[in-house]
């Protein structure tokens, strides 16, 4: 619950600021982006709701889509339906309050907003409310790659940050719903704003992997490495993608580059082990498995569950013990 010490004026000032910035964010999206296919998205979300009729997350997402299209009555109905089944209602209440606000029903907006558990809302990560400064953006979402036309304008800089965060949030939402094509759309929109953002390219590659679009994933990871040769996870993901395409020599090449840069990474060493087993180079596989044990021997019990390395695990473990 919002403390009574926080005045209605303070809450309304917060809501107005977020509203203004979200409108500026829409201007940026209209200027730089093509926009989402609302009809297709609505159809797939409704289909998921039929498959999972008690899923508050999907109801919230559908309410969000209606609100973005100014269909406030439908959005409010969907948010209320979501609140009946949600175990963590803070973000849904936040969305509902803003829908009432955008509709012009200030009294109802305040009533709903005062029911929000601010700690829960902050934990959920979309907004972090500080009543003194209105710090609604988490630093982890901000990427210092701002197009020149926007970088000199503080108002649009805030809106740009808001848009980046909004697209990131939507991408995570679509991923949880299994709508990977829409996850891909979000990251592609982000790349229109930040063409050389290696972290976004890596996330795009992961989305392609989930959608089983391996060639597209390979291209995304390769570009991520091109822009940031120190991005360890992109090497690992590129190696995995090569393996899924049965390009084992290329997988080994990518993983060796990762291993050169990060020699004690347990995950890289295990991936190299499996890649060498795929091409029947058992001795090299054993050598890398021994290195993996040296990097983190506490993972030994967990390694027993990896089917691919079970035939050589005990051999590697004996060599490890002899050397230590």
C-alpha atoms as a PDB file:
ATOM      1  CA  UNK A   1       0.000   0.000   0.000  1.00  0.00           C
ATOM      2  CA  UNK A   2       1.169   3.551  -0.769  1.00  0.00           C
ATOM      3  CA  UNK A   3       1.876   5.490   2.443  1.00  0.00           C
ATOM      4  CA  UNK A   4      -0.685   8.172   3.308  1.00  0.00           C
ATOM      5  CA  UNK A   5       2.275  10.518   3.682  1.00  0.00           C
ATOM      6  CA  UNK A   6       2.554  10.469  -0.105  1.00  0.00           C
ATOM      7  CA  UNK A   7       0.036  13.062  -1.285  1.00  0.00           C
ATOM      8  CA  UNK A   8      -2.353  12.699  -4.210  1.00  0.00           C
ATOM      9  CA  UNK A   9      -0.486  15.567  -5.872  1.00  0.00           C
ATOM     10  CA  UNK A  10       2.797  13.643  -5.639  1.00  0.00           C
ATOM     11  CA  UNK A  11       1.233  10.511  -7.166  1.00  0.00           C
ATOM     12  CA  UNK A  12      -0.392  12.510  -9.962  1.00  0.00           C
ATOM     13  CA  UNK A  13       2.895  14.291 -10.685  1.00  0.00           C
ATOM     14  CA  UNK A  14       4.584  10.890 -11.012  1.00  0.00           C
ATOM     15  CA  UNK A  15       1.836   9.559 -13.286  1.00  0.00           C
ATOM     16  CA  UNK A  16       1.907  12.677 -15.460  1.00  0.00           C
ATOM     17  CA  UNK A  17       5.699  12.459 -15.861  1.00  0.00           C
ATOM     18  CA  UNK A  18       5.551   8.797 -16.889  1.00  0.00           C
ATOM     19  CA  UNK A  19       2.640   9.548 -19.210  1.00  0.00           C
ATOM     20  CA  UNK A  20       4.517  12.392 -20.932  1.00  0.00           C
ATOM     21  CA  UNK A  21       7.673  10.348 -21.360  1.00  0.00           C
ATOM     22  CA  UNK A  22       5.750   7.368 -22.720  1.00  0.00           C
ATOM     23  CA  UNK A  23       4.127   9.690 -25.279  1.00  0.00           C
ATOM     24  CA  UNK A  24       7.570  10.989 -26.285  1.00  0.00           C
ATOM     25  CA  UNK A  25       8.683   7.378 -26.491  1.00  0.00           C
ATOM     26  CA  UNK A  26       5.841   6.695 -28.927  1.00  0.00           C
ATOM     27  CA  UNK A  27       7.029   9.636 -31.041  1.00  0.00           C
ATOM     28  CA  UNK A  28      10.485   8.073 -31.180  1.00  0.00           C
ATOM     29  CA  UNK A  29       9.048   4.708 -32.147  1.00  0.00           C
ATOM     30  CA  UNK A  30       6.933   6.306 -34.884  1.00  0.00           C
ATOM     31  CA  UNK A  31       9.964   8.213 -36.178  1.00  0.00           C
ATOM     32  CA  UNK A  32      12.520   5.406 -36.155  1.00  0.00           C
ATOM     33  CA  UNK A  33      10.545   2.157 -36.054  1.00  0.00           C
ATOM     34  CA  UNK A  34       8.018   0.375 -38.182  1.00  0.00           C
ATOM     35  CA  UNK A  35       5.799  -0.601 -35.230  1.00  0.00           C
ATOM     36  CA  UNK A  36       4.274  -3.870 -34.125  1.00  0.00           C
ATOM     37  CA  UNK A  37       1.742  -5.987 -35.992  1.00  0.00           C
ATOM     38  CA  UNK A  38      -1.050  -5.472 -33.474  1.00  0.00           C
ATOM     39  CA  UNK A  39      -3.619  -7.717 -35.137  1.00  0.00           C
ATOM     40  CA  UNK A  40      -1.274 -10.665 -35.368  1.00  0.00           C
ATOM     41  CA  UNK A  41      -0.060 -10.116 -31.810  1.00  0.00           C
ATOM     42  CA  UNK A  42      -3.601  -9.877 -30.435  1.00  0.00           C
ATOM     43  CA  UNK A  43      -4.589 -13.073 -32.251  1.00  0.00           C
ATOM     44  CA  UNK A  44      -1.644 -15.047 -30.851  1.00  0.00           C
ATOM     45  CA  UNK A  45      -2.134 -13.672 -27.339  1.00  0.00           C
ATOM     46  CA  UNK A  46      -5.828 -14.587 -27.363  1.00  0.00           C
ATOM     47  CA  UNK A  47      -4.893 -18.051 -28.588  1.00  0.00           C
ATOM     48  CA  UNK A  48      -2.479 -18.441 -25.687  1.00  0.00           C
ATOM     49  CA  UNK A  49      -5.184 -17.255 -23.291  1.00  0.00           C
ATOM     50  CA  UNK A  50      -7.467 -20.006 -24.590  1.00  0.00           C
ATOM     51  CA  UNK A  51      -4.708 -22.546 -23.980  1.00  0.00           C
ATOM     52  CA  UNK A  52      -3.905 -21.119 -20.504  1.00  0.00           C
ATOM     53  CA  UNK A  53      -7.169 -19.517 -19.313  1.00  0.00           C
ATOM     54  CA  UNK A  54      -5.860 -18.744 -15.814  1.00  0.00           C
ATOM     55  CA  UNK A  55      -2.588 -17.114 -16.879  1.00  0.00           C
ATOM     56  CA  UNK A  56      -2.486 -13.628 -15.312  1.00  0.00           C
ATOM     57  CA  UNK A  57       0.690 -12.804 -17.229  1.00  0.00           C
ATOM     58  CA  UNK A  58      -1.052 -13.273 -20.597  1.00  0.00           C
ATOM     59  CA  UNK A  59      -4.100 -11.297 -19.443  1.00  0.00           C
ATOM     60  CA  UNK A  60      -1.806  -8.460 -18.367  1.00  0.00           C
ATOM     61  CA  UNK A  61      -0.041  -8.554 -21.740  1.00  0.00           C
ATOM     62  CA  UNK A  62      -3.342  -8.403 -23.588  1.00  0.00           C
ATOM     63  CA  UNK A  63      -4.461  -5.467 -21.439  1.00  0.00           C
ATOM     64  CA  UNK A  64      -1.184  -3.744 -22.309  1.00  0.00           C
ATOM     65  CA  UNK A  65      -1.860  -4.177 -26.036  1.00  0.00           C
ATOM     66  CA  UNK A  66      -5.382  -2.756 -25.707  1.00  0.00           C
ATOM     67  CA  UNK A  67      -4.091   0.219 -23.718  1.00  0.00           C
ATOM     68  CA  UNK A  68      -1.441   1.000 -26.337  1.00  0.00           C
ATOM     69  CA  UNK A  69      -4.231   1.098 -28.927  1.00  0.00           C
ATOM     70  CA  UNK A  70      -6.311   3.437 -26.721  1.00  0.00           C
ATOM     71  CA  UNK A  71      -8.933   0.726 -26.181  1.00  0.00           C
ATOM     72  CA  UNK A  72      -9.210   1.609 -22.503  1.00  0.00           C
ATOM     73  CA  UNK A  73     -12.476  -0.216 -21.649  1.00  0.00           C
ATOM     74  CA  UNK A  74     -11.128  -3.508 -22.995  1.00  0.00           C
ATOM     75  CA  UNK A  75      -7.765  -2.913 -21.280  1.00  0.00           C
ATOM     76  CA  UNK A  76      -9.415  -2.241 -17.898  1.00  0.00           C
ATOM     77  CA  UNK A  77     -11.549  -5.371 -18.188  1.00  0.00           C
ATOM     78  CA  UNK A  78      -8.489  -7.493 -18.971  1.00  0.00           C
ATOM     79  CA  UNK A  79      -6.401  -6.029 -16.116  1.00  0.00           C
ATOM     80  CA  UNK A  80      -9.242  -6.661 -13.656  1.00  0.00           C
ATOM     81  CA  UNK A  81      -9.488 -10.243 -14.862  1.00  0.00           C
ATOM     82  CA  UNK A  82      -5.739 -10.655 -14.377  1.00  0.00           C
ATOM     83  CA  UNK A  83      -5.893  -9.246 -10.830  1.00  0.00           C
ATOM     84  CA  UNK A  84      -8.373 -11.948  -9.819  1.00  0.00           C
ATOM     85  CA  UNK A  85      -5.792 -14.684 -10.401  1.00  0.00           C
ATOM     86  CA  UNK A  86      -2.424 -12.923  -9.954  1.00  0.00           C
ATOM     87  CA  UNK A  87      -0.227 -13.725  -6.940  1.00  0.00           C
ATOM     88  CA  UNK A  88       1.968 -10.655  -7.606  1.00  0.00           C
ATOM     89  CA  UNK A  89      -0.470  -7.905  -8.585  1.00  0.00           C
ATOM     90  CA  UNK A  90       1.726  -4.781  -8.270  1.00  0.00           C
ATOM     91  CA  UNK A  91       2.640  -4.299 -11.940  1.00  0.00           C
ATOM     92  CA  UNK A  92      -0.915  -5.109 -13.072  1.00  0.00           C
ATOM     93  CA  UNK A  93      -2.279  -2.522 -10.633  1.00  0.00           C
ATOM     94  CA  UNK A  94       0.271  -0.055 -11.997  1.00  0.00           C
ATOM     95  CA  UNK A  95      -0.969  -0.701 -15.553  1.00  0.00           C
ATOM     96  CA  UNK A  96      -4.612  -0.455 -14.463  1.00  0.00           C
ATOM     97  CA  UNK A  97      -4.017   2.838 -12.637  1.00  0.00           C
ATOM     98  CA  UNK A  98      -2.346   4.337 -15.694  1.00  0.00           C
ATOM     99  CA  UNK A  99      -5.196   3.170 -17.924  1.00  0.00           C
ATOM    100  CA  UNK A 100      -7.691   4.979 -15.702  1.00  0.00           C
ATOM    101  CA  UNK A 101      -5.378   8.020 -15.769  1.00  0.00           C
ATOM    102  CA  UNK A 102      -5.137   7.995 -19.573  1.00  0.00           C
ATOM    103  CA  UNK A 103      -8.917   7.596 -19.731  1.00  0.00           C
ATOM    104  CA  UNK A 104      -9.271  10.721 -17.600  1.00  0.00           C
ATOM    105  CA  UNK A 105     -10.666   8.993 -14.503  1.00  0.00           C
ATOM    106  CA  UNK A 106      -8.287  10.565 -11.971  1.00  0.00           C
ATOM    107  CA  UNK A 107     -10.254   9.447  -8.894  1.00  0.00           C
ATOM    108  CA  UNK A 108     -10.160   5.793  -9.945  1.00  0.00           C
ATOM    109  CA  UNK A 109      -6.486   6.050 -10.960  1.00  0.00           C
ATOM    110  CA  UNK A 110      -5.546   7.268  -7.468  1.00  0.00           C
ATOM    111  CA  UNK A 111      -7.714   4.640  -5.803  1.00  0.00           C
ATOM    112  CA  UNK A 112      -6.003   1.799  -7.687  1.00  0.00           C
ATOM    113  CA  UNK A 113      -2.522   3.305  -7.362  1.00  0.00           C
ATOM    114  CA  UNK A 114      -2.759   3.541  -3.572  1.00  0.00           C
ATOM    115  CA  UNK A 115      -3.296  -0.227  -3.389  1.00  0.00           C
ATOM    116  CA  UNK A 116       0.087  -0.952  -4.993  1.00  0.00           C
ATOM    117  CA  UNK A 117       2.814  -2.605  -2.943  1.00  0.00           C
ATOM    118  CA  UNK A 118       5.728  -0.381  -4.006  1.00  0.00           C
ATOM    119  CA  UNK A 119       8.352  -2.880  -2.792  1.00  0.00           C
ATOM    120  CA  UNK A 120       6.831  -5.600  -4.957  1.00  0.00           C
ATOM    121  CA  UNK A 121       6.608  -3.228  -7.917  1.00  0.00           C
ATOM    122  CA  UNK A 122      10.285  -2.294  -7.588  1.00  0.00           C
ATOM    123  CA  UNK A 123      11.263  -5.974  -7.257  1.00  0.00           C
ATOM    124  CA  UNK A 124       9.441  -6.773 -10.502  1.00  0.00           C
ATOM    125  CA  UNK A 125      11.832  -4.398 -12.242  1.00  0.00           C
ATOM    126  CA  UNK A 126       9.794  -2.377 -14.727  1.00  0.00           C
ATOM    127  CA  UNK A 127       9.616   0.727 -12.543  1.00  0.00           C
ATOM    128  CA  UNK A 128      11.637   1.809  -9.528  1.00  0.00           C
ATOM    129  CA  UNK A 129       9.792   4.622  -7.797  1.00  0.00           C
ATOM    130  CA  UNK A 130      11.654   7.226  -5.787  1.00  0.00           C
ATOM    131  CA  UNK A 131       9.209   9.878  -4.644  1.00  0.00           C
ATOM    132  CA  UNK A 132      11.929  12.530  -4.585  1.00  0.00           C
ATOM    133  CA  UNK A 133      13.406  12.020  -8.036  1.00  0.00           C
ATOM    134  CA  UNK A 134      10.996   9.661  -9.843  1.00  0.00           C
ATOM    135  CA  UNK A 135      13.818   7.275 -10.788  1.00  0.00           C
ATOM    136  CA  UNK A 136      11.617   4.972 -12.797  1.00  0.00           C
ATOM    137  CA  UNK A 137      14.411   3.527 -14.956  1.00  0.00           C
ATOM    138  CA  UNK A 138      16.742   0.717 -13.880  1.00  0.00           C
ATOM    139  CA  UNK A 139      20.345   1.423 -14.911  1.00  0.00           C
ATOM    140  CA  UNK A 140      20.843  -2.080 -16.279  1.00  0.00           C
ATOM    141  CA  UNK A 141      18.440  -1.345 -19.137  1.00  0.00           C
ATOM    142  CA  UNK A 142      20.173   1.836 -20.271  1.00  0.00           C
ATOM    143  CA  UNK A 143      22.632   1.505 -23.133  1.00  0.00           C
ATOM    144  CA  UNK A 144      24.927   4.451 -23.955  1.00  0.00           C
ATOM    145  CA  UNK A 145      24.277   4.337 -27.697  1.00  0.00           C
ATOM    146  CA  UNK A 146      22.008   7.288 -28.444  1.00  0.00           C
ATOM    147  CA  UNK A 147      21.459   8.484 -32.018  1.00  0.00           C
ATOM    148  CA  UNK A 148      22.907  12.027 -32.525  1.00  0.00           C
ATOM    149  CA  UNK A 149      19.528  13.691 -33.268  1.00  0.00           C
ATOM    150  CA  UNK A 150      18.329  12.714 -29.783  1.00  0.00           C
ATOM    151  CA  UNK A 151      21.462  12.973 -27.682  1.00  0.00           C
ATOM    152  CA  UNK A 152      21.365  16.795 -27.378  1.00  0.00           C
ATOM    153  CA  UNK A 153      17.735  16.896 -26.270  1.00  0.00           C
ATOM    154  CA  UNK A 154      17.214  15.892 -22.629  1.00  0.00           C
ATOM    155  CA  UNK A 155      13.481  15.355 -23.050  1.00  0.00           C
ATOM    156  CA  UNK A 156      13.996  12.921 -25.913  1.00  0.00           C
ATOM    157  CA  UNK A 157      16.929  11.341 -24.134  1.00  0.00           C
ATOM    158  CA  UNK A 158      14.562  10.372 -21.303  1.00  0.00           C
ATOM    159  CA  UNK A 159      12.017   9.150 -23.813  1.00  0.00           C
ATOM    160  CA  UNK A 160      14.709   7.173 -25.625  1.00  0.00           C
ATOM    161  CA  UNK A 161      15.676   5.449 -22.391  1.00  0.00           C
ATOM    162  CA  UNK A 162      12.039   4.730 -21.658  1.00  0.00           C
ATOM    163  CA  UNK A 163      11.579   3.259 -25.148  1.00  0.00           C
ATOM    164  CA  UNK A 164      14.642   1.029 -24.763  1.00  0.00           C
ATOM    165  CA  UNK A 165      13.357  -0.240 -21.462  1.00  0.00           C
ATOM    166  CA  UNK A 166       9.842  -0.724 -22.777  1.00  0.00           C
ATOM    167  CA  UNK A 167      11.050  -2.780 -25.753  1.00  0.00           C
ATOM    168  CA  UNK A 168      13.296  -4.853 -23.458  1.00  0.00           C
ATOM    169  CA  UNK A 169      10.391  -5.449 -21.094  1.00  0.00           C
ATOM    170  CA  UNK A 170       8.125  -6.467 -23.987  1.00  0.00           C
ATOM    171  CA  UNK A 171      10.785  -8.834 -25.338  1.00  0.00           C
ATOM    172  CA  UNK A 172      10.995 -10.554 -21.950  1.00  0.00           C
ATOM    173  CA  UNK A 173       7.196 -10.716 -21.791  1.00  0.00           C
ATOM    174  CA  UNK A 174       6.893 -12.339 -25.232  1.00  0.00           C
ATOM    175  CA  UNK A 175       9.664 -14.813 -24.374  1.00  0.00           C
ATOM    176  CA  UNK A 176       7.770 -15.951 -21.258  1.00  0.00           C
ATOM    177  CA  UNK A 177       4.687 -16.395 -23.422  1.00  0.00           C
ATOM    178  CA  UNK A 178       6.623 -18.419 -26.003  1.00  0.00           C
ATOM    179  CA  UNK A 179       5.922 -15.804 -28.714  1.00  0.00           C
ATOM    180  CA  UNK A 180       9.479 -15.783 -29.978  1.00  0.00           C
ATOM    181  CA  UNK A 181       8.711 -14.065 -33.291  1.00  0.00           C
ATOM    182  CA  UNK A 182       7.543 -11.032 -31.316  1.00  0.00           C
ATOM    183  CA  UNK A 183      10.603 -11.241 -29.074  1.00  0.00           C
ATOM    184  CA  UNK A 184      12.670 -11.062 -32.257  1.00  0.00           C
ATOM    185  CA  UNK A 185      10.637  -8.057 -33.461  1.00  0.00           C
ATOM    186  CA  UNK A 186      11.390  -6.176 -30.218  1.00  0.00           C
ATOM    187  CA  UNK A 187      15.129  -6.752 -30.462  1.00  0.00           C
ATOM    188  CA  UNK A 188      15.125  -5.803 -34.146  1.00  0.00           C
ATOM    189  CA  UNK A 189      13.373  -2.550 -33.209  1.00  0.00           C
ATOM    190  CA  UNK A 190      16.003  -1.933 -30.550  1.00  0.00           C
ATOM    191  CA  UNK A 191      18.704  -2.467 -33.145  1.00  0.00           C
ATOM    192  CA  UNK A 192      17.109   0.183 -35.346  1.00  0.00           C
ATOM    193  CA  UNK A 193      17.724   2.559 -32.426  1.00  0.00           C
ATOM    194  CA  UNK A 194      21.126   1.106 -31.463  1.00  0.00           C
ATOM    195  CA  UNK A 195      22.614  -0.677 -34.513  1.00  0.00           C
ATOM    196  CA  UNK A 196      25.916  -1.609 -32.830  1.00  0.00           C
ATOM    197  CA  UNK A 197      24.597  -2.717 -29.429  1.00  0.00           C
ATOM    198  CA  UNK A 198      26.349  -6.078 -28.975  1.00  0.00           C
ATOM    199  CA  UNK A 199      24.255  -7.000 -25.933  1.00  0.00           C
ATOM    200  CA  UNK A 200      21.061  -6.605 -27.999  1.00  0.00           C
ATOM    201  CA  UNK A 201      22.533  -8.642 -30.869  1.00  0.00           C
ATOM    202  CA  UNK A 202      23.354 -11.405 -28.398  1.00  0.00           C
ATOM    203  CA  UNK A 203      19.779 -11.354 -27.047  1.00  0.00           C
ATOM    204  CA  UNK A 204      18.448 -11.382 -30.607  1.00  0.00           C
ATOM    205  CA  UNK A 205      20.567 -14.447 -31.328  1.00  0.00           C
ATOM    206  CA  UNK A 206      19.148 -16.204 -28.269  1.00  0.00           C
ATOM    207  CA  UNK A 207      15.614 -15.399 -29.456  1.00  0.00           C
ATOM    208  CA  UNK A 208      16.450 -16.889 -32.864  1.00  0.00           C
ATOM    209  CA  UNK A 209      17.767 -20.019 -31.125  1.00  0.00           C
ATOM    210  CA  UNK A 210      14.495 -20.392 -29.220  1.00  0.00           C
ATOM    211  CA  UNK A 211      12.618 -19.992 -32.493  1.00  0.00           C
ATOM    212  CA  UNK A 212      14.918 -22.655 -34.024  1.00  0.00           C
ATOM    213  CA  UNK A 213      16.187 -20.162 -36.601  1.00  0.00           C
ATOM    214  CA  UNK A 214      19.803 -21.237 -36.312  1.00  0.00           C
ATOM    215  CA  UNK A 215      21.274 -19.491 -39.351  1.00  0.00           C
ATOM    216  CA  UNK A 216      19.825 -16.164 -38.230  1.00  0.00           C
ATOM    217  CA  UNK A 217      21.147 -16.816 -34.711  1.00  0.00           C
ATOM    218  CA  UNK A 218      24.632 -17.469 -36.076  1.00  0.00           C
ATOM    219  CA  UNK A 219      24.580 -14.140 -37.923  1.00  0.00           C
ATOM    220  CA  UNK A 220      23.441 -12.245 -34.794  1.00  0.00           C
ATOM    221  CA  UNK A 221      26.117 -13.774 -32.550  1.00  0.00           C
ATOM    222  CA  UNK A 222      28.816 -13.159 -35.177  1.00  0.00           C
ATOM    223  CA  UNK A 223      27.847  -9.473 -35.356  1.00  0.00           C
ATOM    224  CA  UNK A 224      27.761  -9.223 -31.548  1.00  0.00           C
ATOM    225  CA  UNK A 225      31.361 -10.478 -31.415  1.00  0.00           C
ATOM    226  CA  UNK A 226      32.344  -8.116 -34.231  1.00  0.00           C
ATOM    227  CA  UNK A 227      31.156  -5.104 -32.227  1.00  0.00           C
ATOM    228  CA  UNK A 228      32.361  -6.406 -28.861  1.00  0.00           C
ATOM    229  CA  UNK A 229      35.133  -9.047 -29.021  1.00  0.00           C
ATOM    230  CA  UNK A 230      35.049  -9.284 -25.228  1.00  0.00           C
ATOM    231  CA  UNK A 231      31.432 -10.472 -25.011  1.00  0.00           C
ATOM    232  CA  UNK A 232      32.029 -13.935 -23.600  1.00  0.00           C
ATOM    233  CA  UNK A 233      28.444 -15.178 -23.816  1.00  0.00           C
ATOM    234  CA  UNK A 234      28.273 -14.468 -27.552  1.00  0.00           C
ATOM    235  CA  UNK A 235      31.185 -16.871 -28.198  1.00  0.00           C
ATOM    236  CA  UNK A 236      29.445 -19.576 -26.166  1.00  0.00           C
ATOM    237  CA  UNK A 237      26.165 -18.992 -27.963  1.00  0.00           C
ATOM    238  CA  UNK A 238      27.885 -19.024 -31.354  1.00  0.00           C
ATOM    239  CA  UNK A 239      29.547 -22.318 -30.476  1.00  0.00           C
ATOM    240  CA  UNK A 240      26.187 -23.782 -29.419  1.00  0.00           C
ATOM    241  CA  UNK A 241      24.594 -22.595 -32.664  1.00  0.00           C
ATOM    242  CA  UNK A 242      27.322 -24.221 -34.767  1.00  0.00           C
ATOM    243  CA  UNK A 243      26.766 -27.442 -32.818  1.00  0.00           C
ATOM    244  CA  UNK A 244      23.009 -27.330 -33.434  1.00  0.00           C
ATOM    245  CA  UNK A 245      23.795 -26.938 -37.149  1.00  0.00           C
ATOM    246  CA  UNK A 246      26.197 -29.907 -36.790  1.00  0.00           C
ATOM    247  CA  UNK A 247      29.089 -27.618 -37.738  1.00  0.00           C
ATOM    248  CA  UNK A 248      31.288 -29.086 -35.040  1.00  0.00           C
ATOM    249  CA  UNK A 249      34.640 -27.820 -36.299  1.00  0.00           C
ATOM    250  CA  UNK A 250      33.246 -24.273 -36.439  1.00  0.00           C
ATOM    251  CA  UNK A 251      31.767 -24.784 -32.973  1.00  0.00           C
ATOM    252  CA  UNK A 252      35.177 -25.808 -31.668  1.00  0.00           C
ATOM    253  CA  UNK A 253      36.756 -22.752 -33.322  1.00  0.00           C
ATOM    254  CA  UNK A 254      34.319 -20.360 -31.633  1.00  0.00           C
ATOM    255  CA  UNK A 255      34.647 -22.090 -28.274  1.00  0.00           C
ATOM    256  CA  UNK A 256      38.449 -22.083 -28.470  1.00  0.00           C
ATOM    257  CA  UNK A 257      38.378 -18.319 -29.003  1.00  0.00           C
ATOM    258  CA  UNK A 258      36.204 -18.035 -25.902  1.00  0.00           C
ATOM    259  CA  UNK A 259      38.554 -20.340 -24.019  1.00  0.00           C
ATOM    260  CA  UNK A 260      41.571 -18.251 -25.020  1.00  0.00           C
ATOM    261  CA  UNK A 261      39.933 -15.107 -23.676  1.00  0.00           C
ATOM    262  CA  UNK A 262      38.375 -16.757 -20.610  1.00  0.00           C
ATOM    263  CA  UNK A 263      40.510 -19.866 -19.900  1.00  0.00           C
ATOM    264  CA  UNK A 264      38.840 -20.947 -16.662  1.00  0.00           C
ATOM    265  CA  UNK A 265      35.231 -20.724 -17.762  1.00  0.00           C
ATOM    266  CA  UNK A 266      33.628 -24.016 -16.715  1.00  0.00           C
ATOM    267  CA  UNK A 267      30.813 -23.782 -19.281  1.00  0.00           C
ATOM    268  CA  UNK A 268      33.176 -23.209 -22.204  1.00  0.00           C
ATOM    269  CA  UNK A 269      35.324 -26.167 -21.230  1.00  0.00           C
ATOM    270  CA  UNK A 270      32.288 -28.448 -21.011  1.00  0.00           C
ATOM    271  CA  UNK A 271      31.014 -27.276 -24.405  1.00  0.00           C
ATOM    272  CA  UNK A 272      34.433 -28.056 -25.897  1.00  0.00           C
ATOM    273  CA  UNK A 273      34.298 -31.487 -24.298  1.00  0.00           C
ATOM    274  CA  UNK A 274      30.952 -32.250 -25.921  1.00  0.00           C
ATOM    275  CA  UNK A 275      31.996 -30.800 -29.300  1.00  0.00           C
ATOM    276  CA  UNK A 276      35.075 -33.016 -29.458  1.00  0.00           C
ATOM    277  CA  UNK A 277      33.005 -36.044 -28.524  1.00  0.00           C
ATOM    278  CA  UNK A 278      30.706 -35.261 -31.464  1.00  0.00           C
ATOM    279  CA  UNK A 279      33.648 -35.656 -33.873  1.00  0.00           C
ATOM    280  CA  UNK A 280      34.990 -38.701 -31.998  1.00  0.00           C
ATOM    281  CA  UNK A 281      38.114 -36.993 -30.616  1.00  0.00           C
ATOM    282  CA  UNK A 282      37.830 -38.694 -27.244  1.00  0.00           C
ATOM    283  CA  UNK A 283      41.284 -37.826 -25.902  1.00  0.00           C
ATOM    284  CA  UNK A 284      40.835 -34.105 -26.555  1.00  0.00           C
ATOM    285  CA  UNK A 285      37.395 -34.319 -24.969  1.00  0.00           C
ATOM    286  CA  UNK A 286      38.928 -35.908 -21.868  1.00  0.00           C
ATOM    287  CA  UNK A 287      41.611 -33.207 -21.707  1.00  0.00           C
ATOM    288  CA  UNK A 288      38.992 -30.437 -21.696  1.00  0.00           C
ATOM    289  CA  UNK A 289      36.856 -32.286 -19.176  1.00  0.00           C
ATOM    290  CA  UNK A 290      39.853 -32.505 -16.837  1.00  0.00           C
ATOM    291  CA  UNK A 291      40.303 -28.728 -17.245  1.00  0.00           C
ATOM    292  CA  UNK A 292      36.618 -28.252 -16.451  1.00  0.00           C
ATOM    293  CA  UNK A 293      37.071 -30.217 -13.230  1.00  0.00           C
ATOM    294  CA  UNK A 294      40.124 -28.129 -12.381  1.00  0.00           C
ATOM    295  CA  UNK A 295      38.082 -24.972 -12.929  1.00  0.00           C
ATOM    296  CA  UNK A 296      35.253 -26.141 -10.666  1.00  0.00           C
ATOM    297  CA  UNK A 297      35.464 -29.620  -9.158  1.00  0.00           C
ATOM    298  CA  UNK A 298      32.365 -28.932  -7.046  1.00  0.00           C
ATOM    299  CA  UNK A 299      30.344 -29.414 -10.242  1.00  0.00           C
ATOM    300  CA  UNK A 300      31.394 -33.094 -10.370  1.00  0.00           C
ATOM    301  CA  UNK A 301      28.063 -34.435  -9.095  1.00  0.00           C
ATOM    302  CA  UNK A 302      26.121 -32.349 -11.592  1.00  0.00           C
ATOM    303  CA  UNK A 303      28.319 -33.616 -14.431  1.00  0.00           C
ATOM    304  CA  UNK A 304      26.993 -37.116 -13.857  1.00  0.00           C
ATOM    305  CA  UNK A 305      23.639 -35.969 -15.267  1.00  0.00           C
ATOM    306  CA  UNK A 306      25.113 -34.889 -18.637  1.00  0.00           C
ATOM    307  CA  UNK A 307      24.533 -37.926 -20.847  1.00  0.00           C
ATOM    308  CA  UNK A 308      27.123 -36.995 -23.512  1.00  0.00           C
ATOM    309  CA  UNK A 309      30.073 -36.977 -21.092  1.00  0.00           C
ATOM    310  CA  UNK A 310      29.080 -39.906 -18.888  1.00  0.00           C
ATOM    311  CA  UNK A 311      31.308 -42.424 -20.782  1.00  0.00           C
ATOM    312  CA  UNK A 312      34.474 -40.381 -20.097  1.00  0.00           C
ATOM    313  CA  UNK A 313      33.643 -38.714 -16.784  1.00  0.00           C
ATOM    314  CA  UNK A 314      35.290 -41.268 -14.501  1.00  0.00           C
ATOM    315  CA  UNK A 315      38.420 -41.368 -16.674  1.00  0.00           C
ATOM    316  CA  UNK A 316      38.712 -37.583 -16.479  1.00  0.00           C
ATOM    317  CA  UNK A 317      38.034 -37.601 -12.734  1.00  0.00           C
ATOM    318  CA  UNK A 318      40.855 -40.129 -12.116  1.00  0.00           C
ATOM    319  CA  UNK A 319      43.290 -37.972 -14.131  1.00  0.00           C
ATOM    320  CA  UNK A 320      42.141 -34.918 -12.188  1.00  0.00           C
ATOM    321  CA  UNK A 321      42.810 -36.684  -8.853  1.00  0.00           C
ATOM    322  CA  UNK A 322      46.239 -37.840  -9.998  1.00  0.00           C
ATOM    323  CA  UNK A 323      47.222 -34.268 -10.865  1.00  0.00           C
ATOM    324  CA  UNK A 324      45.941 -32.710  -7.628  1.00  0.00           C
END
